């Protein structure tokens, strides 16, 4: 099994900061609500603040563990993707079922020059997030080559 590049931790950190920004905007909306309507309780902001601290603290604390449990492997018969710390998942995608492989890059991945490889089958799409450009190209080419060979063998 192969680990993701360490730079993916920065992407996860940035993602948590975006979540924090959204939660702060929600808290700001609640402050506006308490100032403009009489039925909104003032103590609600304390509850929202506590929830924000717990969620963001939990997300930040789990980044090293999340990194440790994200792995993938490509072999002749399947693509394996393992992830999750509390709720672990181990997905095995048979090579013969692969229909398409795409490489994508969102704004947070772009900040670290990382890419996401999406492997599509008939029923679903599975992602390997946070690969270097060379690794993403290599995974895509390898999976597509193996999928073509498997389809030709049938």
Protein backbone atom coordinates (compact mmCIF):
# COMPACT_ATOMS: atom_id res chain seq x y z
CA UNK A 1 0.00 0.00 0.00
CA UNK A 2 1.20 3.47 -0.87
CA UNK A 3 0.71 6.56 1.32
CA UNK A 4 -0.31 9.98 0.08
CA UNK A 5 2.27 12.78 -0.12
CA UNK A 6 2.71 14.67 3.19
CA UNK A 7 1.56 17.91 1.51
CA UNK A 8 -2.01 16.58 1.60
CA UNK A 9 -2.03 17.45 5.32
CA UNK A 10 -1.84 21.14 4.34
CA UNK A 11 -4.85 20.67 2.06
CA UNK A 12 -6.81 19.08 4.91
CA UNK A 13 -5.75 21.99 7.17
CA UNK A 14 -6.97 24.51 4.58
CA UNK A 15 -10.22 22.59 4.26
CA UNK A 16 -10.71 22.82 8.02
CA UNK A 17 -10.06 26.56 7.87
CA UNK A 18 -12.75 26.92 5.19
CA UNK A 19 -15.13 25.03 7.49
CA UNK A 20 -14.16 27.41 10.30
CA UNK A 21 -14.94 30.41 8.10
CA UNK A 22 -18.36 28.99 7.24
CA UNK A 23 -19.11 28.31 10.91
CA UNK A 24 -18.03 31.85 11.84
CA UNK A 25 -20.39 33.24 9.20
CA UNK A 26 -23.21 31.15 10.68
CA UNK A 27 -22.33 32.46 14.16
CA UNK A 28 -22.36 36.00 12.77
CA UNK A 29 -25.82 35.35 11.36
CA UNK A 30 -26.94 34.21 14.78
CA UNK A 31 -25.55 37.37 16.36
CA UNK A 32 -27.49 39.42 13.82
CA UNK A 33 -30.59 37.35 14.59
CA UNK A 34 -30.30 37.89 18.36
CA UNK A 35 -29.95 41.65 17.82
CA UNK A 36 -32.97 41.88 15.51
CA UNK A 37 -35.55 39.47 16.95
CA UNK A 38 -36.64 39.02 20.52
CA UNK A 39 -37.24 35.26 20.53
CA UNK A 40 -33.61 34.21 19.80
CA UNK A 41 -31.84 33.32 23.07
CA UNK A 42 -28.59 35.14 23.83
CA UNK A 43 -27.00 31.99 25.28
CA UNK A 44 -27.28 30.32 21.87
CA UNK A 45 -24.09 32.07 20.75
CA UNK A 46 -22.18 30.36 23.57
CA UNK A 47 -23.48 26.99 22.40
CA UNK A 48 -22.54 27.77 18.79
CA UNK A 49 -19.06 28.93 19.91
CA UNK A 50 -18.54 25.73 21.90
CA UNK A 51 -19.64 23.61 18.94
CA UNK A 52 -17.26 25.49 16.63
CA UNK A 53 -14.31 24.98 18.98
CA UNK A 54 -15.06 21.26 19.38
CA UNK A 55 -15.55 20.61 15.65
CA UNK A 56 -12.49 22.54 14.50
CA UNK A 57 -10.30 21.19 17.31
CA UNK A 58 -11.38 17.65 16.49
CA UNK A 59 -10.73 18.13 12.75
CA UNK A 60 -7.27 19.63 13.35
CA UNK A 61 -6.30 16.94 15.86
CA UNK A 62 -7.26 14.17 13.44
CA UNK A 63 -5.15 15.36 10.48
CA UNK A 64 -2.08 13.25 11.41
CA UNK A 65 -4.24 10.17 12.01
CA UNK A 66 -6.20 10.75 8.83
CA UNK A 67 -2.93 10.87 6.90
CA UNK A 68 -1.72 7.67 8.49
CA UNK A 69 -4.83 5.73 7.44
CA UNK A 70 -5.15 6.95 3.82
CA UNK A 71 -3.47 4.46 1.49
CA UNK A 72 -3.96 3.03 -1.97
CA UNK A 73 -2.54 0.31 -4.19
CA UNK A 74 -2.88 -0.67 -7.83
CA UNK A 75 -2.22 -4.26 -8.87
CA UNK A 76 -3.13 -6.48 -11.83
CA UNK A 77 -6.56 -7.44 -10.51
CA UNK A 78 -7.80 -4.49 -8.47
CA UNK A 79 -7.36 -0.98 -7.13
CA UNK A 80 -7.46 -0.83 -3.34
CA UNK A 81 -8.28 2.34 -1.42
CA UNK A 82 -8.11 2.42 2.38
CA UNK A 83 -9.14 5.41 4.45
CA UNK A 84 -10.75 6.40 7.71
CA UNK A 85 -9.66 6.58 11.31
CA UNK A 86 -12.83 5.83 13.27
CA UNK A 87 -14.94 4.62 10.38
CA UNK A 88 -12.49 2.72 8.25
CA UNK A 89 -13.25 1.72 4.72
CA UNK A 90 -11.36 -0.60 2.42
CA UNK A 91 -12.60 -0.46 -1.15
CA UNK A 92 -11.42 -2.98 -3.73
CA UNK A 93 -12.28 -2.00 -7.29
CA UNK A 94 -11.91 -4.87 -9.76
CA UNK A 95 -9.85 -3.73 -12.76
CA UNK A 96 -12.35 -5.32 -15.15
CA UNK A 97 -15.09 -3.00 -13.85
CA UNK A 98 -13.16 0.24 -14.38
CA UNK A 99 -14.81 2.35 -17.07
CA UNK A 100 -12.98 5.65 -16.79
CA UNK A 101 -10.17 7.35 -14.87
CA UNK A 102 -10.07 11.15 -14.50
CA UNK A 103 -7.59 13.52 -12.93
CA UNK A 104 -9.06 16.58 -11.21
CA UNK A 105 -7.69 19.47 -9.21
CA UNK A 106 -9.81 21.69 -6.99
CA UNK A 107 -8.73 25.04 -5.56
CA UNK A 108 -7.42 23.62 -2.28
CA UNK A 109 -5.44 20.87 -4.03
CA UNK A 110 -4.11 23.47 -6.46
CA UNK A 111 -2.49 25.39 -3.58
CA UNK A 112 -0.21 22.40 -2.95
CA UNK A 113 0.08 21.28 -6.60
CA UNK A 114 -1.76 18.05 -5.85
CA UNK A 115 -4.37 16.16 -7.86
CA UNK A 116 -7.29 13.81 -7.35
CA UNK A 117 -7.68 10.60 -9.35
CA UNK A 118 -11.31 9.54 -9.86
CA UNK A 119 -11.89 5.91 -10.82
CA UNK A 120 -15.36 5.35 -12.28
CA UNK A 121 -17.10 2.00 -12.46
CA UNK A 122 -20.60 1.23 -13.66
CA UNK A 123 -22.15 2.07 -10.31
CA UNK A 124 -19.90 4.55 -8.55
CA UNK A 125 -16.80 6.70 -8.54
CA UNK A 126 -13.93 6.29 -6.07
CA UNK A 127 -11.27 8.93 -5.44
CA UNK A 128 -7.65 8.97 -4.46
CA UNK A 129 -7.03 12.52 -3.23
CA UNK A 130 -3.78 14.39 -2.93
CA UNK A 131 -1.38 12.82 -5.42
CA UNK A 132 1.57 14.55 -7.10
CA UNK A 133 1.14 15.17 -10.84
CA UNK A 134 3.56 12.37 -11.78
CA UNK A 135 1.91 9.90 -9.38
CA UNK A 136 -1.58 10.86 -10.59
CA UNK A 137 -0.54 10.37 -14.23
CA UNK A 138 1.14 7.06 -13.39
CA UNK A 139 -1.92 5.76 -11.52
CA UNK A 140 -4.25 6.83 -14.34
CA UNK A 141 -2.11 5.24 -17.05
CA UNK A 142 -1.60 2.03 -15.08
CA UNK A 143 -5.29 1.58 -14.24
CA UNK A 144 -6.40 2.35 -17.79
CA UNK A 145 -3.79 -0.03 -19.24
CA UNK A 146 -4.86 -2.83 -16.89
CA UNK A 147 -8.55 -2.16 -17.59
CA UNK A 148 -7.98 -2.36 -21.37
CA UNK A 149 -6.04 -5.60 -20.96
CA UNK A 150 -8.81 -7.06 -18.80
CA UNK A 151 -11.48 -6.09 -21.34
CA UNK A 152 -9.45 -7.53 -24.22
CA UNK A 153 -8.96 -10.79 -22.32
CA UNK A 154 -12.73 -11.29 -21.95
